[in-house]
Amino acid sequence: MLKYSLTWSTEGLINEYGNPCQSVVDGKIVDAAPLEGLEEIEIDGTLYEAFNTSGGLGSLAETYGKQCEQINYKTMRYPGHCAQMRLLMNDLKLNSRSRHARSACSRHAVPQTLQDVVIVYAAVAGKQDGELREENYVNKIYPQVIAGRLWSAIQVTTAAGITAVVDLVLDEPRASTRASSRRSSSTCPTILDNRFGQYYAPGGTKDLSSRRGRQGPGRPPAPARRQAQPRRQTARRKK
């Protein structure tokens, strides 16, 4: 019904849908409402929807807010999910209930899976060499076997991003630089070349999770159920 399977913390999911969403509008940092700003995105022939969720912008607003007209962070799901979550969170007042009650409802109603896919989609528009240009980055990350264990796409991308930045910071000889480093100061090629960041590199497929499922090698796989856990960040530079 919800067109969603749980792949990470129930509490984190509830916070993402219920807390204010930081964004940049006309060069100023503002709070936007979660589950708003709905739009459609088509990638490789598959249609997704994207809408405001909390917590994803990180330090980008503080770091680049004065240089950009707009910066926003949206979560991507399969079409129809946002309307159903609006019904639960807003119309049925699930967002006004206690954290424990909201988490309990999610745990009992939303199945868990390791067969997910994370889609990273970033779109930037602005002036370059005196011309208005737009550039996009799209990448799909699927479950991977690391150290003999199957990890979901959201587990891989969460861990790879954090450990890659920590690894790069610790490799910096100047302690003062380490203390003030931010994730947004690292370039995409630098992250992907890192021993941990390489797990973000394109090239995986959904076949691995459908073969192994949760049971591991040598056992019948669980029925394949593809789940989108994409993230989207967009920025528009000031002219």
Protein backbone atom coordinates (compact mmCIF):
# COMPACT_ATOMS: atom_id res chain seq x y z
CA MET A 1 0.00 0.00 0.00
CA LEU A 2 2.72 2.50 0.94
CA LYS A 3 4.94 1.48 -2.02
CA TYR A 4 7.83 1.30 0.41
CA SER A 5 9.85 -1.26 2.35
CA LEU A 6 11.91 -0.37 5.39
CA THR A 7 15.68 -0.53 4.93
CA TRP A 8 16.88 1.62 7.80
CA SER A 9 15.96 3.14 11.18
CA THR A 10 12.22 3.49 11.83
CA GLU A 11 12.87 6.53 14.01
CA GLY A 12 14.97 8.11 11.29
CA LEU A 13 12.22 7.60 8.74
CA ILE A 14 9.62 9.23 11.00
CA ASN A 15 11.92 12.20 11.67
CA GLU A 16 12.55 12.61 7.95
CA TYR A 17 8.82 12.90 7.24
CA GLY A 18 7.87 14.93 10.30
CA ASN A 19 10.56 17.56 10.97
CA PRO A 20 11.15 20.91 9.22
CA CYS A 21 13.38 20.78 6.12
CA GLN A 22 16.21 23.27 5.77
CA SER A 23 16.63 24.87 2.35
CA VAL A 24 17.93 28.03 0.71
CA VAL A 25 15.50 30.44 -0.97
CA ASP A 26 16.76 33.70 -2.53
CA GLY A 27 20.08 33.22 -0.76
CA LYS A 28 18.51 32.86 2.71
CA ILE A 29 18.27 29.73 4.87
CA VAL A 30 14.62 28.86 5.58
CA ASP A 31 12.61 25.94 6.94
CA ALA A 32 10.31 24.19 4.48
CA ALA A 33 7.47 21.79 5.34
CA PRO A 34 8.15 18.05 4.96
CA LEU A 35 6.22 16.13 2.25
CA GLU A 36 5.80 19.35 0.25
CA GLY A 37 7.50 20.56 -2.95
CA LEU A 38 6.33 17.46 -4.82
CA GLU A 39 7.71 16.94 -8.34
CA GLU A 40 8.23 14.09 -10.82
CA ILE A 41 11.59 12.86 -12.13
CA GLU A 42 12.17 10.25 -14.83
CA ILE A 43 15.46 8.30 -14.79
CA ASP A 44 16.25 5.52 -17.27
CA GLY A 45 12.58 5.24 -18.19
CA THR A 46 11.38 4.86 -14.59
CA LEU A 47 9.20 7.56 -13.03
CA TYR A 48 9.87 8.74 -9.47
CA GLU A 49 8.47 11.48 -7.28
CA ALA A 50 10.57 13.81 -5.13
CA PHE A 51 9.50 15.85 -2.10
CA ASN A 52 10.95 17.71 0.88
CA THR A 53 12.37 15.64 3.74
CA SER A 54 14.31 16.67 6.80
CA GLY A 55 18.00 16.38 7.59
CA GLY A 56 19.60 15.77 4.21
CA LEU A 57 21.02 19.18 3.36
CA GLY A 58 23.73 18.93 6.02
CA SER A 59 26.21 21.83 5.94
CA LEU A 60 25.50 22.78 2.29
CA ALA A 61 23.13 25.60 3.23
CA GLU A 62 25.65 27.19 5.59
CA THR A 63 28.59 26.63 3.24
CA TYR A 64 27.08 27.68 -0.09
CA GLY A 65 23.85 29.46 0.84
CA LYS A 66 25.16 32.96 0.14
CA GLN A 67 26.45 31.90 -3.29
CA CYS A 68 23.19 30.29 -4.48
CA GLU A 69 19.68 31.48 -5.15
CA GLN A 70 18.17 28.11 -4.25
CA ILE A 71 19.34 24.88 -2.65
CA ASN A 72 16.97 22.09 -1.67
CA TYR A 73 17.15 18.45 -0.69
CA LYS A 74 14.42 15.99 -1.61
CA THR A 75 13.84 12.30 -1.13
CA MET A 76 12.75 10.23 -4.13
CA ARG A 77 10.17 7.45 -3.93
CA TYR A 78 7.93 5.58 -6.34
CA PRO A 79 4.82 7.55 -7.43
CA GLY A 80 1.97 7.64 -4.93
CA HIS A 81 4.06 7.29 -1.76
CA CYS A 82 3.98 10.99 -0.85
CA ALA A 83 0.17 11.21 -1.00
CA GLN A 84 -0.15 8.19 1.29
CA MET A 85 2.34 9.60 3.79
CA ARG A 86 0.55 12.95 3.78
CA LEU A 87 -2.65 11.08 4.67
CA LEU A 88 -0.95 9.30 7.58
CA MET A 89 1.22 12.13 8.89
CA ASN A 90 -1.08 15.12 8.34
CA ASP A 91 -4.71 14.07 7.83
CA LEU A 92 -4.71 11.20 10.35
CA LYS A 93 -2.42 13.19 12.72
CA LEU A 94 0.24 10.50 13.00
CA ASN A 95 2.84 13.27 13.23
CA SER A 96 1.20 14.60 16.40
CA ARG A 97 1.43 11.26 18.23
CA SER A 98 4.33 10.24 20.42
CA ARG A 99 7.60 9.07 18.85
CA HIS A 100 7.07 5.62 20.34
CA ALA A 101 3.57 5.32 18.85
CA ARG A 102 4.74 6.43 15.40
CA SER A 103 7.66 4.00 15.43
CA ALA A 104 5.43 1.13 16.56
CA CYS A 105 2.98 1.77 13.72
CA SER A 106 5.80 1.78 11.16
CA ARG A 107 7.46 -1.37 12.49
CA HIS A 108 4.21 -3.36 12.35
CA ALA A 109 2.97 -2.00 9.00
CA VAL A 110 6.11 -1.63 6.85
CA PRO A 111 8.10 -4.76 5.87
CA GLN A 112 11.91 -4.77 5.91
CA THR A 113 14.10 -5.65 2.93
CA LEU A 114 17.72 -5.77 1.78
CA GLN A 115 16.67 -5.54 -1.87
CA ASP A 116 16.78 -1.78 -2.28
CA VAL A 117 18.38 0.71 -4.66
CA VAL A 118 19.76 4.15 -3.78
CA ILE A 119 19.59 6.76 -6.53
CA VAL A 120 21.73 9.86 -6.19
CA TYR A 121 20.47 12.67 -8.43
CA ALA A 122 22.00 16.15 -8.32
CA ALA A 123 21.05 19.01 -10.64
CA VAL A 124 22.85 22.37 -10.74
CA ALA A 125 21.95 25.37 -12.90
CA GLY A 126 23.83 28.66 -13.11
CA LYS A 127 26.21 30.92 -15.01
CA GLN A 128 29.39 29.36 -16.41
CA ASP A 129 31.69 31.26 -18.77
CA GLY A 130 28.96 33.86 -19.12
CA GLU A 131 26.32 31.34 -20.24
CA LEU A 132 23.39 29.80 -18.38
CA ARG A 133 24.08 26.06 -18.06
CA GLU A 134 22.73 23.03 -16.26
CA GLU A 135 24.63 19.91 -15.20
CA ASN A 136 23.23 16.67 -13.74
CA TYR A 137 24.74 13.74 -11.89
CA VAL A 138 22.90 10.43 -11.61
CA ASN A 139 24.11 7.23 -9.97
CA LYS A 140 22.39 4.03 -8.85
CA ILE A 141 23.83 1.97 -6.00
CA TYR A 142 22.58 -1.55 -5.30
CA PRO A 143 23.19 -4.02 -2.42
CA GLN A 144 26.75 -5.33 -2.29
CA VAL A 145 28.63 -8.18 -0.66
CA ILE A 146 31.41 -6.73 1.49
CA ALA A 147 33.62 -8.91 3.71
CA GLY A 148 31.41 -11.92 2.94
CA ARG A 149 28.14 -10.29 4.01
CA LEU A 150 25.29 -8.84 1.98
CA TRP A 151 24.62 -5.18 2.80
CA SER A 152 21.65 -3.16 1.57
CA ALA A 153 22.22 -0.15 -0.69
CA ILE A 154 21.27 2.30 2.06
CA GLN A 155 23.73 0.63 4.45
CA VAL A 156 26.51 0.76 1.86
CA THR A 157 25.97 4.40 0.92
CA THR A 158 25.55 5.61 4.51
CA ALA A 159 28.72 3.88 5.70
CA ALA A 160 30.78 4.64 2.59
CA GLY A 161 30.07 8.37 2.73
CA ILE A 162 30.96 8.71 6.40
CA THR A 163 34.06 6.48 6.38
CA ALA A 164 35.43 8.01 3.17
CA VAL A 165 35.33 11.52 4.62
CA VAL A 166 36.81 10.38 7.95
CA ASP A 167 39.56 8.56 6.06
CA LEU A 168 40.37 11.66 3.99
CA VAL A 169 40.36 13.94 7.05
CA LEU A 170 42.66 11.65 9.05
CA ASP A 171 45.02 11.52 6.08
CA GLU A 172 45.38 15.31 6.25
CA PRO A 173 48.60 16.09 8.20
CA ARG A 174 47.45 19.45 9.56
CA ALA A 175 45.40 19.07 12.73
CA SER A 176 43.78 22.48 12.29
CA THR A 177 42.48 21.47 8.88
CA ARG A 178 41.14 18.20 10.26
CA ALA A 179 39.21 20.04 12.96
CA SER A 180 37.47 22.35 10.47
CA SER A 181 36.90 19.89 7.61
CA ARG A 182 33.43 19.37 6.25
CA ARG A 183 31.98 16.70 4.02
CA SER A 184 31.01 19.32 1.43
CA SER A 185 34.65 20.41 1.00
CA SER A 186 35.58 17.06 -0.60
CA THR A 187 35.12 16.73 -4.37
CA CYS A 188 33.18 13.85 -5.93
CA PRO A 189 36.26 12.37 -7.72
CA THR A 190 38.21 12.46 -4.45
CA ILE A 191 35.46 10.59 -2.63
CA LEU A 192 35.04 7.97 -5.38
CA ASP A 193 38.81 7.35 -5.49
CA ASN A 194 38.91 6.66 -1.76
CA ARG A 195 39.05 3.05 -0.55
CA PHE A 196 35.66 3.47 1.16
CA GLY A 197 34.09 5.91 -1.29
CA GLN A 198 34.67 3.47 -4.16
CA TYR A 199 31.51 1.65 -3.10
CA TYR A 200 29.60 4.66 -4.46
CA ALA A 201 31.04 4.10 -7.93
CA PRO A 202 28.53 3.08 -10.66
CA GLY A 203 28.49 -0.46 -11.94
CA GLY A 204 26.34 -2.59 -9.62
CA THR A 205 23.07 -4.28 -10.53
CA LYS A 206 19.95 -5.45 -8.72
CA ASP A 207 20.73 -9.10 -9.60
CA LEU A 208 22.89 -9.68 -6.53
CA SER A 209 20.14 -9.00 -4.00
CA SER A 210 17.56 -11.02 -5.93
CA ARG A 211 19.89 -14.04 -6.01
CA ARG A 212 20.95 -13.96 -2.39
CA GLY A 213 18.10 -12.19 -0.60
CA ARG A 214 18.29 -12.25 3.19
CA GLN A 215 18.91 -15.97 3.35
CA GLY A 216 22.48 -15.84 2.06
CA PRO A 217 24.13 -18.21 -0.43
CA GLY A 218 22.82 -21.72 -0.95
CA ARG A 219 19.20 -20.99 0.06
CA PRO A 220 16.17 -20.06 -2.02
CA PRO A 221 16.00 -16.30 -2.58
CA ALA A 222 13.19 -14.17 -1.22
CA PRO A 223 10.73 -12.87 -3.81
CA ALA A 224 12.35 -9.91 -5.53
CA ARG A 225 10.88 -6.62 -4.41
CA ARG A 226 12.60 -3.53 -5.70
CA GLN A 227 12.61 -0.56 -3.36
CA ALA A 228 13.72 2.94 -4.17
CA GLN A 229 15.71 4.81 -1.53
CA PRO A 230 16.97 7.66 -3.71
CA ARG A 231 18.21 11.04 -2.59
CA ARG A 232 18.18 14.23 -4.51
CA GLN A 233 19.94 17.55 -4.02
CA THR A 234 19.44 20.55 -6.28
CA ALA A 235 21.17 23.88 -6.31
CA ARG A 236 20.80 27.02 -8.37
CA ARG A 237 23.66 29.52 -8.32
CA LYS A 238 23.10 33.24 -8.24
CA LYS A 239 23.45 34.95 -11.59
